[in-house]
């Protein structure tokens, strides 16, 4: 089991920015895993927001492309999500996930609220 701790959520005005972090415990060697951020808004299904491969190649949902940036620091065992030009539709609980051969771990989620 690899505990994941997400931080950085909060309340922001439309057009603002937030940066989320997903930290794995020391010695987790997340370099072996794909990293992903998901979100779930009230009454909606959980959706993939962004992913980053073990080699650092990112992919994004159409709704976040050009506004969100996923990155990773394997030495710090951390996956990041920089969110810019936030919209009210981005309001959701954001979850990180890391997965690989024989492993699939989720964080507890962090609330992001975009509102004026």
PDB file of N, CA and C in Angstrom:
ATOM      1  N   UNK A   1       0.845  -1.197   0.000  1.00  0.00           N
ATOM      2  CA  UNK A   1       0.000   0.000   0.000  1.00  0.00           C
ATOM      3  C   UNK A   1       0.874   1.238   0.000  1.00  0.00           C
ATOM      4  N   UNK A   2       0.513   2.212  -0.849  1.00  0.00           N
ATOM      5  CA  UNK A   2       1.244   3.477  -0.919  1.00  0.00           C
ATOM      6  C   UNK A   2       0.290   4.598  -0.566  1.00  0.00           C
ATOM      7  N   UNK A   3       0.385   5.157   0.620  1.00  0.00           N
ATOM      8  CA  UNK A   3      -0.486   6.276   0.966  1.00  0.00           C
ATOM      9  C   UNK A   3      -0.185   7.492   0.098  1.00  0.00           C
ATOM     10  N   UNK A   4      -1.240   8.134  -0.375  1.00  0.00           N
ATOM     11  CA  UNK A   4      -1.102   9.351  -1.163  1.00  0.00           C
ATOM     12  C   UNK A   4      -1.811  10.481  -0.435  1.00  0.00           C
ATOM     13  N   UNK A   5      -1.170  11.619  -0.341  1.00  0.00           N
ATOM     14  CA  UNK A   5      -1.748  12.770   0.348  1.00  0.00           C
ATOM     15  C   UNK A   5      -1.834  13.934  -0.618  1.00  0.00           C
ATOM     16  N   UNK A   6      -3.064  14.372  -0.884  1.00  0.00           N
ATOM     17  CA  UNK A   6      -3.280  15.510  -1.777  1.00  0.00           C
ATOM     18  C   UNK A   6      -3.402  16.781  -0.949  1.00  0.00           C
ATOM     19  N   UNK A   7      -2.804  17.825  -1.427  1.00  0.00           N
ATOM     20  CA  UNK A   7      -2.904  19.147  -0.801  1.00  0.00           C
ATOM     21  C   UNK A   7      -3.061  20.202  -1.888  1.00  0.00           C
ATOM     22  N   UNK A   8      -3.513  21.382  -1.469  1.00  0.00           N
ATOM     23  CA  UNK A   8      -3.569  22.514  -2.379  1.00  0.00           C
ATOM     24  C   UNK A   8      -4.951  22.931  -2.815  1.00  0.00           C
ATOM     25  N   UNK A   9      -5.972  22.188  -2.434  1.00  0.00           N
ATOM     26  CA  UNK A   9      -7.323  22.588  -2.808  1.00  0.00           C
ATOM     27  C   UNK A   9      -7.767  23.826  -2.048  1.00  0.00           C
ATOM     28  N   UNK A  10      -8.930  24.345  -2.442  1.00  0.00           N
ATOM     29  CA  UNK A  10      -9.440  25.523  -1.756  1.00  0.00           C
ATOM     30  C   UNK A  10     -10.450  26.255  -2.605  1.00  0.00           C
ATOM     31  N   UNK A  11     -10.715  27.490  -2.195  1.00  0.00           N
ATOM     32  CA  UNK A  11     -11.673  28.354  -2.889  1.00  0.00           C
ATOM     33  C   UNK A  11     -10.920  29.382  -3.713  1.00  0.00           C
ATOM     34  N   UNK A  12     -11.319  29.531  -4.955  1.00  0.00           N
ATOM     35  CA  UNK A  12     -10.671  30.496  -5.839  1.00  0.00           C
ATOM     36  C   UNK A  12     -11.729  31.137  -6.724  1.00  0.00           C
ATOM     37  N   UNK A  13     -11.481  32.362  -7.125  1.00  0.00           N
ATOM     38  CA  UNK A  13     -12.411  33.051  -8.011  1.00  0.00           C
ATOM     39  C   UNK A  13     -12.232  32.584  -9.449  1.00  0.00           C
ATOM     40  N   UNK A  14     -13.271  32.707 -10.258  1.00  0.00           N
ATOM     41  CA  UNK A  14     -13.127  32.361 -11.683  1.00  0.00           C
ATOM     42  C   UNK A  14     -11.976  33.141 -12.305  1.00  0.00           C
ATOM     43  N   UNK A  15     -11.191  32.442 -13.109  1.00  0.00           N
ATOM     44  CA  UNK A  15     -10.020  33.046 -13.721  1.00  0.00           C
ATOM     45  C   UNK A  15      -8.758  32.888 -12.905  1.00  0.00           C
ATOM     46  N   UNK A  16      -8.909  32.418 -11.683  1.00  0.00           N
ATOM     47  CA  UNK A  16      -7.759  32.261 -10.800  1.00  0.00           C
ATOM     48  C   UNK A  16      -7.021  30.951 -11.017  1.00  0.00           C
ATOM     49  N   UNK A  17      -6.030  30.710 -10.147  1.00  0.00           N
ATOM     50  CA  UNK A  17      -5.179  29.530 -10.267  1.00  0.00           C
ATOM     51  C   UNK A  17      -5.059  28.805  -8.939  1.00  0.00           C
ATOM     52  N   UNK A  18      -4.837  27.506  -9.025  1.00  0.00           N
ATOM     53  CA  UNK A  18      -4.521  26.681  -7.862  1.00  0.00           C
ATOM     54  C   UNK A  18      -3.502  25.643  -8.290  1.00  0.00           C
ATOM     55  N   UNK A  19      -2.713  25.202  -7.326  1.00  0.00           N
ATOM     56  CA  UNK A  19      -1.749  24.149  -7.590  1.00  0.00           C
ATOM     57  C   UNK A  19      -1.981  23.020  -6.604  1.00  0.00           C
ATOM     58  N   UNK A  20      -2.213  21.830  -7.127  1.00  0.00           N
ATOM     59  CA  UNK A  20      -2.431  20.642  -6.296  1.00  0.00           C
ATOM     60  C   UNK A  20      -1.162  19.792  -6.270  1.00  0.00           C
ATOM     61  N   UNK A  21      -0.943  19.168  -5.133  1.00  0.00           N
ATOM     62  CA  UNK A  21       0.174  18.240  -4.990  1.00  0.00           C
ATOM     63  C   UNK A  21      -0.341  16.903  -4.488  1.00  0.00           C
ATOM     64  N   UNK A  22       0.304  15.851  -4.920  1.00  0.00           N
ATOM     65  CA  UNK A  22      -0.025  14.496  -4.488  1.00  0.00           C
ATOM     66  C   UNK A  22       1.278  13.829  -4.077  1.00  0.00           C
ATOM     67  N   UNK A  23       1.474  13.698  -2.785  1.00  0.00           N
ATOM     68  CA  UNK A  23       2.736  13.192  -2.267  1.00  0.00           C
ATOM     69  C   UNK A  23       2.586  11.747  -1.802  1.00  0.00           C
ATOM     70  N   UNK A  24       3.500  10.922  -2.261  1.00  0.00           N
ATOM     71  CA  UNK A  24       3.562   9.538  -1.800  1.00  0.00           C
ATOM     72  C   UNK A  24       4.598   9.430  -0.690  1.00  0.00           C
ATOM     73  N   UNK A  25       4.470   8.397   0.093  1.00  0.00           N
ATOM     74  CA  UNK A  25       5.378   8.243   1.218  1.00  0.00           C
ATOM     75  C   UNK A  25       6.797   7.995   0.725  1.00  0.00           C
ATOM     76  N   UNK A  26       7.767   8.379   1.545  1.00  0.00           N
ATOM     77  CA  UNK A  26       9.186   8.247   1.208  1.00  0.00           C
ATOM     78  C   UNK A  26       9.516   6.782   0.921  1.00  0.00           C
ATOM     79  N   UNK A  27      10.238   6.582  -0.164  1.00  0.00           N
ATOM     80  CA  UNK A  27      10.598   5.221  -0.514  1.00  0.00           C
ATOM     81  C   UNK A  27       9.583   4.525  -1.393  1.00  0.00           C
ATOM     82  N   UNK A  28       8.585   5.284  -1.873  1.00  0.00           N
ATOM     83  CA  UNK A  28       7.541   4.667  -2.686  1.00  0.00           C
ATOM     84  C   UNK A  28       7.961   4.443  -4.128  1.00  0.00           C
ATOM     85  N   UNK A  29       8.975   5.154  -4.582  1.00  0.00           N
ATOM     86  CA  UNK A  29       9.493   4.991  -5.949  1.00  0.00           C
ATOM     87  C   UNK A  29       8.393   5.149  -6.981  1.00  0.00           C
ATOM     88  N   UNK A  30       7.724   6.288  -6.968  1.00  0.00           N
ATOM     89  CA  UNK A  30       6.613   6.493  -7.889  1.00  0.00           C
ATOM     90  C   UNK A  30       7.075   6.563  -9.335  1.00  0.00           C
ATOM     91  N   UNK A  31       8.363   6.606  -9.569  1.00  0.00           N
ATOM     92  CA  UNK A  31       8.862   6.638 -10.949  1.00  0.00           C
ATOM     93  C   UNK A  31       8.391   5.423 -11.727  1.00  0.00           C
ATOM     94  N   UNK A  32       7.990   4.371 -11.043  1.00  0.00           N
ATOM     95  CA  UNK A  32       7.523   3.152 -11.695  1.00  0.00           C
ATOM     96  C   UNK A  32       6.070   3.247 -12.137  1.00  0.00           C
ATOM     97  N   UNK A  33       5.378   4.314 -11.697  1.00  0.00           N
ATOM     98  CA  UNK A  33       3.932   4.376 -11.885  1.00  0.00           C
ATOM     99  C   UNK A  33       3.499   5.526 -12.784  1.00  0.00           C
ATOM    100  N   UNK A  34       2.405   5.291 -13.502  1.00  0.00           N
ATOM    101  CA  UNK A  34       1.705   6.376 -14.175  1.00  0.00           C
ATOM    102  C   UNK A  34       0.978   7.201 -13.126  1.00  0.00           C
ATOM    103  N   UNK A  35       0.994   8.513 -13.274  1.00  0.00           N
ATOM    104  CA  UNK A  35       0.292   9.395 -12.353  1.00  0.00           C
ATOM    105  C   UNK A  35      -0.907  10.028 -13.033  1.00  0.00           C
ATOM    106  N   UNK A  36      -2.008  10.128 -12.315  1.00  0.00           N
ATOM    107  CA  UNK A  36      -3.234  10.690 -12.886  1.00  0.00           C
ATOM    108  C   UNK A  36      -3.950  11.567 -11.867  1.00  0.00           C
ATOM    109  N   UNK A  37      -4.655  12.549 -12.377  1.00  0.00           N
ATOM    110  CA  UNK A  37      -5.586  13.350 -11.577  1.00  0.00           C
ATOM    111  C   UNK A  37      -6.988  13.144 -12.136  1.00  0.00           C
ATOM    112  N   UNK A  38      -7.927  12.888 -11.239  1.00  0.00           N
ATOM    113  CA  UNK A  38      -9.336  12.771 -11.566  1.00  0.00           C
ATOM    114  C   UNK A  38     -10.097  13.834 -10.782  1.00  0.00           C
ATOM    115  N   UNK A  39     -11.332  14.038 -11.184  1.00  0.00           N
ATOM    116  CA  UNK A  39     -12.203  14.900 -10.396  1.00  0.00           C
ATOM    117  C   UNK A  39     -13.628  14.359 -10.456  1.00  0.00           C
ATOM    118  N   UNK A  40     -14.369  14.696  -9.406  1.00  0.00           N
ATOM    119  CA  UNK A  40     -15.772  14.294  -9.339  1.00  0.00           C
ATOM    120  C   UNK A  40     -16.589  15.437  -8.782  1.00  0.00           C
ATOM    121  N   UNK A  41     -17.490  15.941  -9.618  1.00  0.00           N
ATOM    122  CA  UNK A  41     -18.402  16.998  -9.201  1.00  0.00           C
ATOM    123  C   UNK A  41     -19.670  16.359  -8.643  1.00  0.00           C
ATOM    124  N   UNK A  42     -20.420  17.080  -7.818  1.00  0.00           N
ATOM    125  CA  UNK A  42     -21.653  16.528  -7.249  1.00  0.00           C
ATOM    126  C   UNK A  42     -22.609  16.046  -8.332  1.00  0.00           C
ATOM    127  N   UNK A  43     -23.074  14.825  -8.189  1.00  0.00           N
ATOM    128  CA  UNK A  43     -24.027  14.282  -9.133  1.00  0.00           C
ATOM    129  C   UNK A  43     -23.436  13.819 -10.450  1.00  0.00           C
ATOM    130  N   UNK A  44     -22.115  13.858 -10.565  1.00  0.00           N
ATOM    131  CA  UNK A  44     -21.467  13.457 -11.817  1.00  0.00           C
ATOM    132  C   UNK A  44     -20.494  12.324 -11.577  1.00  0.00           C
ATOM    133  N   UNK A  45     -20.152  11.642 -12.657  1.00  0.00           N
ATOM    134  CA  UNK A  45     -19.177  10.558 -12.558  1.00  0.00           C
ATOM    135  C   UNK A  45     -17.763  11.115 -12.431  1.00  0.00           C
ATOM    136  N   UNK A  46     -16.918  10.329 -11.837  1.00  0.00           N
ATOM    137  CA  UNK A  46     -15.511  10.707 -11.743  1.00  0.00           C
ATOM    138  C   UNK A  46     -14.911  10.703 -13.150  1.00  0.00           C
ATOM    139  N   UNK A  47     -14.137  11.738 -13.460  1.00  0.00           N
ATOM    140  CA  UNK A  47     -13.562  11.850 -14.802  1.00  0.00           C
ATOM    141  C   UNK A  47     -12.063  12.090 -14.715  1.00  0.00           C
ATOM    142  N   UNK A  48     -11.359  11.593 -15.708  1.00  0.00           N
ATOM    143  CA  UNK A  48      -9.917  11.788 -15.793  1.00  0.00           C
ATOM    144  C   UNK A  48      -9.630  13.206 -16.266  1.00  0.00           C
ATOM    145  N   UNK A  49      -8.779  13.895 -15.545  1.00  0.00           N
ATOM    146  CA  UNK A  49      -8.425  15.282 -15.861  1.00  0.00           C
ATOM    147  C   UNK A  49      -7.102  15.341 -16.626  1.00  0.00           C
ATOM    148  N   UNK A  50      -6.121  14.615 -16.130  1.00  0.00           N
ATOM    149  CA  UNK A  50      -4.791  14.634 -16.745  1.00  0.00           C
ATOM    150  C   UNK A  50      -4.025  13.411 -16.293  1.00  0.00           C
ATOM    151  N   UNK A  51      -3.076  12.999 -17.117  1.00  0.00           N
ATOM    152  CA  UNK A  51      -2.241  11.847 -16.801  1.00  0.00           C
ATOM    153  C   UNK A  51      -0.809  12.145 -17.211  1.00  0.00           C
ATOM    154  N   UNK A  52       0.120  11.494 -16.543  1.00  0.00           N
ATOM    155  CA  UNK A  52       1.530  11.637 -16.902  1.00  0.00           C
ATOM    156  C   UNK A  52       2.185  10.272 -16.828  1.00  0.00           C
ATOM    157  N   UNK A  53       2.862   9.911 -17.904  1.00  0.00           N
ATOM    158  CA  UNK A  53       3.464   8.589 -17.985  1.00  0.00           C
ATOM    159  C   UNK A  53       4.729   8.517 -17.135  1.00  0.00           C
ATOM    160  N   UNK A  54       5.277   7.313 -17.037  1.00  0.00           N
ATOM    161  CA  UNK A  54       6.525   7.141 -16.292  1.00  0.00           C
ATOM    162  C   UNK A  54       7.664   7.930 -16.934  1.00  0.00           C
ATOM    163  N   UNK A  55       7.541   8.207 -18.219  1.00  0.00           N
ATOM    164  CA  UNK A  55       8.571   8.976 -18.918  1.00  0.00           C
ATOM    165  C   UNK A  55       8.309  10.474 -18.885  1.00  0.00           C
ATOM    166  N   UNK A  56       7.187  10.861 -18.273  1.00  0.00           N
ATOM    167  CA  UNK A  56       6.893  12.282 -18.142  1.00  0.00           C
ATOM    168  C   UNK A  56       6.039  12.863 -19.251  1.00  0.00           C
ATOM    169  N   UNK A  57       5.447  12.015 -20.090  1.00  0.00           N
ATOM    170  CA  UNK A  57       4.592  12.508 -21.169  1.00  0.00           C
ATOM    171  C   UNK A  57       3.183  12.758 -20.642  1.00  0.00           C
ATOM    172  N   UNK A  58       2.670  13.980 -20.815  1.00  0.00           N
ATOM    173  CA  UNK A  58       1.353  14.305 -20.289  1.00  0.00           C
ATOM    174  C   UNK A  58       0.237  14.127 -21.316  1.00  0.00           C
ATOM    175  N   UNK A  59      -0.952  13.833 -20.841  1.00  0.00           N
ATOM    176  CA  UNK A  59      -2.160  13.872 -21.649  1.00  0.00           C
ATOM    177  C   UNK A  59      -3.240  14.560 -20.827  1.00  0.00           C
ATOM    178  N   UNK A  60      -4.185  15.177 -21.519  1.00  0.00           N
ATOM    179  CA  UNK A  60      -5.220  15.972 -20.860  1.00  0.00           C
ATOM    180  C   UNK A  60      -6.602  15.699 -21.430  1.00  0.00           C
ATOM    181  N   UNK A  61      -7.601  15.898 -20.581  1.00  0.00           N
ATOM    182  CA  UNK A  61      -8.970  15.908 -21.062  1.00  0.00           C
ATOM    183  C   UNK A  61      -9.154  17.167 -21.901  1.00  0.00           C
ATOM    184  N   UNK A  62     -10.082  17.096 -22.849  1.00  0.00           N
ATOM    185  CA  UNK A  62     -10.324  18.263 -23.709  1.00  0.00           C
ATOM    186  C   UNK A  62     -10.704  19.490 -22.884  1.00  0.00           C
ATOM    187  N   UNK A  63     -11.412  19.271 -21.803  1.00  0.00           N
ATOM    188  CA  UNK A  63     -11.906  20.391 -21.002  1.00  0.00           C
ATOM    189  C   UNK A  63     -10.809  21.107 -20.220  1.00  0.00           C
ATOM    190  N   UNK A  64      -9.647  20.472 -20.085  1.00  0.00           N
ATOM    191  CA  UNK A  64      -8.576  21.079 -19.293  1.00  0.00           C
ATOM    192  C   UNK A  64      -7.337  21.413 -20.121  1.00  0.00           C
ATOM    193  N   UNK A  65      -7.338  20.975 -21.351  1.00  0.00           N
ATOM    194  CA  UNK A  65      -6.170  21.200 -22.217  1.00  0.00           C
ATOM    195  C   UNK A  65      -5.924  22.691 -22.383  1.00  0.00           C
ATOM    196  N   UNK A  66      -4.671  23.089 -22.201  1.00  0.00           N
ATOM    197  CA  UNK A  66      -4.314  24.491 -22.340  1.00  0.00           C
ATOM    198  C   UNK A  66      -4.468  25.309 -21.072  1.00  0.00           C
ATOM    199  N   UNK A  67      -5.156  24.734 -20.071  1.00  0.00           N
ATOM    200  CA  UNK A  67      -5.340  25.435 -18.801  1.00  0.00           C
ATOM    201  C   UNK A  67      -4.638  24.725 -17.645  1.00  0.00           C
ATOM    202  N   UNK A  68      -4.592  23.395 -17.698  1.00  0.00           N
ATOM    203  CA  UNK A  68      -3.995  22.601 -16.627  1.00  0.00           C
ATOM    204  C   UNK A  68      -2.668  22.029 -17.092  1.00  0.00           C
ATOM    205  N   UNK A  69      -1.754  21.865 -16.141  1.00  0.00           N
ATOM    206  CA  UNK A  69      -0.463  21.252 -16.430  1.00  0.00           C
ATOM    207  C   UNK A  69      -0.150  20.211 -15.358  1.00  0.00           C
ATOM    208  N   UNK A  70       0.080  18.976 -15.790  1.00  0.00           N
ATOM    209  CA  UNK A  70       0.465  17.915 -14.866  1.00  0.00           C
ATOM    210  C   UNK A  70       1.972  17.726 -14.953  1.00  0.00           C
ATOM    211  N   UNK A  71       2.584  17.471 -13.826  1.00  0.00           N
ATOM    212  CA  UNK A  71       4.027  17.244 -13.798  1.00  0.00           C
ATOM    213  C   UNK A  71       4.352  16.288 -12.656  1.00  0.00           C
ATOM    214  N   UNK A  72       5.600  15.862 -12.622  1.00  0.00           N
ATOM    215  CA  UNK A  72       6.008  14.935 -11.570  1.00  0.00           C
ATOM    216  C   UNK A  72       7.436  15.199 -11.159  1.00  0.00           C
ATOM    217  N   UNK A  73       7.718  14.939  -9.907  1.00  0.00           N
ATOM    218  CA  UNK A  73       9.075  14.998  -9.390  1.00  0.00           C
ATOM    219  C   UNK A  73       9.323  13.664  -8.686  1.00  0.00           C
ATOM    220  N   UNK A  74       9.979  12.760  -9.371  1.00  0.00           N
ATOM    221  CA  UNK A  74      10.162  11.419  -8.825  1.00  0.00           C
ATOM    222  C   UNK A  74      11.062  11.415  -7.588  1.00  0.00           C
ATOM    223  N   UNK A  75      11.970  12.376  -7.484  1.00  0.00           N
ATOM    224  CA  UNK A  75      12.838  12.446  -6.305  1.00  0.00           C
ATOM    225  C   UNK A  75      12.048  12.841  -5.064  1.00  0.00           C
ATOM    226  N   UNK A  76      11.008  13.648  -5.282  1.00  0.00           N
ATOM    227  CA  UNK A  76      10.143  14.043  -4.165  1.00  0.00           C
ATOM    228  C   UNK A  76       8.912  13.149  -4.054  1.00  0.00           C
ATOM    229  N   UNK A  77       8.803  12.143  -4.933  1.00  0.00           N
ATOM    230  CA  UNK A  77       7.649  11.245  -4.920  1.00  0.00           C
ATOM    231  C   UNK A  77       6.336  12.007  -4.990  1.00  0.00           C
ATOM    232  N   UNK A  78       6.275  12.990  -5.862  1.00  0.00           N
ATOM    233  CA  UNK A  78       5.115  13.872  -5.911  1.00  0.00           C
ATOM    234  C   UNK A  78       4.647  14.088  -7.347  1.00  0.00           C
ATOM    235  N   UNK A  79       3.312  14.088  -7.503  1.00  0.00           N
ATOM    236  CA  UNK A  79       2.643  14.442  -8.754  1.00  0.00           C
ATOM    237  C   UNK A  79       1.960  15.790  -8.528  1.00  0.00           C
ATOM    238  N   UNK A  80       2.056  16.681  -9.503  1.00  0.00           N
ATOM    239  CA  UNK A  80       1.485  18.023  -9.370  1.00  0.00           C
ATOM    240  C   UNK A  80       0.412  18.264 -10.432  1.00  0.00           C
ATOM    241  N   UNK A  81      -0.494  19.178 -10.127  1.00  0.00           N
ATOM    242  CA  UNK A  81      -1.456  19.654 -11.110  1.00  0.00           C
ATOM    243  C   UNK A  81      -1.587  21.163 -10.941  1.00  0.00           C
ATOM    244  N   UNK A  82      -1.062  21.898 -11.914  1.00  0.00           N
ATOM    245  CA  UNK A  82      -1.206  23.349 -11.926  1.00  0.00           C
ATOM    246  C   UNK A  82      -2.454  23.683 -12.725  1.00  0.00           C
ATOM    247  N   UNK A  83      -3.369  24.412 -12.098  1.00  0.00           N
ATOM    248  CA  UNK A  83      -4.650  24.738 -12.733  1.00  0.00           C
ATOM    249  C   UNK A  83      -4.752  26.251 -12.886  1.00  0.00           C
ATOM    250  N   UNK A  84      -4.849  26.698 -14.134  1.00  0.00           N
ATOM    251  CA  UNK A  84      -4.969  28.121 -14.435  1.00  0.00           C
ATOM    252  C   UNK A  84      -6.307  28.404 -15.105  1.00  0.00           C
ATOM    253  N   UNK A  85      -6.675  29.659 -15.108  1.00  0.00           N
ATOM    254  CA  UNK A  85      -7.928  30.112 -15.733  1.00  0.00           C
ATOM    255  C   UNK A  85      -9.096  29.222 -15.316  1.00  0.00           C
ATOM    256  N   UNK A  86      -9.213  29.045 -14.012  1.00  0.00           N
ATOM    257  CA  UNK A  86     -10.248  28.168 -13.490  1.00  0.00           C
ATOM    258  C   UNK A  86     -11.640  28.704 -13.756  1.00  0.00           C
ATOM    259  N   UNK A  87     -12.571  27.771 -13.972  1.00  0.00           N
ATOM    260  CA  UNK A  87     -13.957  28.082 -14.278  1.00  0.00           C
ATOM    261  C   UNK A  87     -14.846  27.413 -13.243  1.00  0.00           C
ATOM    262  N   UNK A  88     -16.067  27.889 -13.137  1.00  0.00           N
ATOM    263  CA  UNK A  88     -16.989  27.303 -12.152  1.00  0.00           C
ATOM    264  C   UNK A  88     -17.194  25.812 -12.414  1.00  0.00           C
ATOM    265  N   UNK A  89     -17.093  25.418 -13.685  1.00  0.00           N
ATOM    266  CA  UNK A  89     -17.264  24.004 -14.036  1.00  0.00           C
ATOM    267  C   UNK A  89     -16.116  23.129 -13.535  1.00  0.00           C
ATOM    268  N   UNK A  90     -15.049  23.743 -13.082  1.00  0.00           N
ATOM    269  CA  UNK A  90     -13.921  22.976 -12.529  1.00  0.00           C
ATOM    270  C   UNK A  90     -14.146  22.608 -11.059  1.00  0.00           C
ATOM    271  N   UNK A  91     -15.205  23.109 -10.477  1.00  0.00           N
ATOM    272  CA  UNK A  91     -15.505  22.796  -9.081  1.00  0.00           C
ATOM    273  C   UNK A  91     -15.765  21.299  -8.922  1.00  0.00           C
ATOM    274  N   UNK A  92     -15.000  20.673  -8.030  1.00  0.00           N
ATOM    275  CA  UNK A  92     -15.103  19.222  -7.829  1.00  0.00           C
ATOM    276  C   UNK A  92     -14.141  18.811  -6.721  1.00  0.00           C
ATOM    277  N   UNK A  93     -14.260  17.556  -6.322  1.00  0.00           N
ATOM    278  CA  UNK A  93     -13.221  16.948  -5.500  1.00  0.00           C
ATOM    279  C   UNK A  93     -12.205  16.342  -6.453  1.00  0.00           C
ATOM    280  N   UNK A  94     -10.938  16.659  -6.247  1.00  0.00           N
ATOM    281  CA  UNK A  94      -9.857  16.182  -7.105  1.00  0.00           C
ATOM    282  C   UNK A  94      -9.097  15.061  -6.399  1.00  0.00           C
ATOM    283  N   UNK A  95      -8.879  13.978  -7.152  1.00  0.00           N
ATOM    284  CA  UNK A  95      -8.200  12.805  -6.625  1.00  0.00           C
ATOM    285  C   UNK A  95      -6.960  12.505  -7.452  1.00  0.00           C
ATOM    286  N   UNK A  96      -5.903  12.110  -6.794  1.00  0.00           N
ATOM    287  CA  UNK A  96      -4.757  11.617  -7.551  1.00  0.00           C
ATOM    288  C   UNK A  96      -4.721  10.092  -7.476  1.00  0.00           C
ATOM    289  N   UNK A  97      -4.085   9.545  -8.463  1.00  0.00           N
ATOM    290  CA  UNK A  97      -3.968   8.084  -8.578  1.00  0.00           C
ATOM    291  C   UNK A  97      -2.610   7.766  -9.158  1.00  0.00           C
ATOM    292  N   UNK A  98      -1.981   6.742  -8.644  1.00  0.00           N
ATOM    293  CA  UNK A  98      -0.790   6.211  -9.286  1.00  0.00           C
ATOM    294  C   UNK A  98      -1.024   4.727  -9.509  1.00  0.00           C
ATOM    295  N   UNK A  99      -0.591   4.235 -10.665  1.00  0.00           N
ATOM    296  CA  UNK A  99      -0.832   2.825 -10.963  1.00  0.00           C
ATOM    297  C   UNK A  99       0.285   2.285 -11.831  1.00  0.00           C
ATOM    298  N   UNK A 100       0.451   0.980 -11.730  1.00  0.00           N
ATOM    299  CA  UNK A 100       1.467   0.279 -12.496  1.00  0.00           C
ATOM    300  C   UNK A 100       1.288  -1.207 -12.291  1.00  0.00           C
ATOM    301  N   UNK A 101       2.255  -2.000 -12.707  1.00  0.00           N
ATOM    302  CA  UNK A 101       2.136  -3.452 -12.550  1.00  0.00           C
ATOM    303  C   UNK A 101       1.881  -3.855 -11.093  1.00  0.00           C
ATOM    304  N   UNK A 102       0.723  -4.432 -10.858  1.00  0.00           N
ATOM    305  CA  UNK A 102       0.398  -4.901  -9.522  1.00  0.00           C
ATOM    306  C   UNK A 102       0.089  -3.823  -8.524  1.00  0.00           C
ATOM    307  N   UNK A 103      -0.156  -2.593  -8.983  1.00  0.00           N
ATOM    308  CA  UNK A 103      -0.385  -1.503  -8.038  1.00  0.00           C
ATOM    309  C   UNK A 103      -1.433  -0.542  -8.568  1.00  0.00           C
ATOM    310  N   UNK A 104      -2.260  -0.038  -7.687  1.00  0.00           N
ATOM    311  CA  UNK A 104      -3.289   0.932  -8.044  1.00  0.00           C
ATOM    312  C   UNK A 104      -3.696   1.643  -6.755  1.00  0.00           C
ATOM    313  N   UNK A 105      -3.229   2.892  -6.588  1.00  0.00           N
ATOM    314  CA  UNK A 105      -3.443   3.607  -5.333  1.00  0.00           C
ATOM    315  C   UNK A 105      -4.112   4.953  -5.590  1.00  0.00           C
ATOM    316  N   UNK A 106      -5.017   5.323  -4.676  1.00  0.00           N
ATOM    317  CA  UNK A 106      -5.747   6.583  -4.782  1.00  0.00           C
ATOM    318  C   UNK A 106      -5.517   7.423  -3.534  1.00  0.00           C
ATOM    319  N   UNK A 107      -5.582   8.733  -3.737  1.00  0.00           N
ATOM    320  CA  UNK A 107      -5.567   9.641  -2.606  1.00  0.00           C
ATOM    321  C   UNK A 107      -6.971   9.834  -2.066  1.00  0.00           C
ATOM    322  N   UNK A 108      -7.066  10.609  -0.993  1.00  0.00           N
ATOM    323  CA  UNK A 108      -8.348  10.800  -0.316  1.00  0.00           C
ATOM    324  C   UNK A 108      -9.189  11.910  -0.933  1.00  0.00           C
ATOM    325  N   UNK A 109      -8.599  12.708  -1.794  1.00  0.00           N
ATOM    326  CA  UNK A 109      -9.324  13.780  -2.464  1.00  0.00           C
ATOM    327  C   UNK A 109      -9.141  15.127  -1.788  1.00  0.00           C
ATOM    328  N   UNK A 110      -9.189  16.179  -2.604  1.00  0.00           N
ATOM    329  CA  UNK A 110      -9.118  17.539  -2.086  1.00  0.00           C
ATOM    330  C   UNK A 110     -10.135  18.398  -2.839  1.00  0.00           C
ATOM    331  N   UNK A 111     -10.864  19.227  -2.092  1.00  0.00           N
ATOM    332  CA  UNK A 111     -11.950  20.009  -2.687  1.00  0.00           C
ATOM    333  C   UNK A 111     -11.397  21.245  -3.384  1.00  0.00           C
ATOM    334  N   UNK A 112     -11.860  21.464  -4.600  1.00  0.00           N
ATOM    335  CA  UNK A 112     -11.576  22.695  -5.341  1.00  0.00           C
ATOM    336  C   UNK A 112     -12.914  23.353  -5.650  1.00  0.00           C
ATOM    337  N   UNK A 113     -13.059  24.592  -5.220  1.00  0.00           N
ATOM    338  CA  UNK A 113     -14.290  25.338  -5.452  1.00  0.00           C
ATOM    339  C   UNK A 113     -13.955  26.627  -6.177  1.00  0.00           C
ATOM    340  N   UNK A 114     -14.583  26.808  -7.330  1.00  0.00           N
ATOM    341  CA  UNK A 114     -14.370  28.014  -8.128  1.00  0.00           C
ATOM    342  C   UNK A 114     -15.660  28.827  -8.073  1.00  0.00           C
ATOM    343  N   UNK A 115     -15.588  29.955  -7.405  1.00  0.00           N
ATOM    344  CA  UNK A 115     -16.787  30.757  -7.197  1.00  0.00           C
ATOM    345  C   UNK A 115     -16.407  32.185  -6.877  1.00  0.00           C
ATOM    346  N   UNK A 116     -17.260  33.096  -7.296  1.00  0.00           N
ATOM    347  CA  UNK A 116     -17.041  34.500  -6.966  1.00  0.00           C
ATOM    348  C   UNK A 116     -17.819  34.874  -5.706  1.00  0.00           C
TER     349      UNK A 116
END
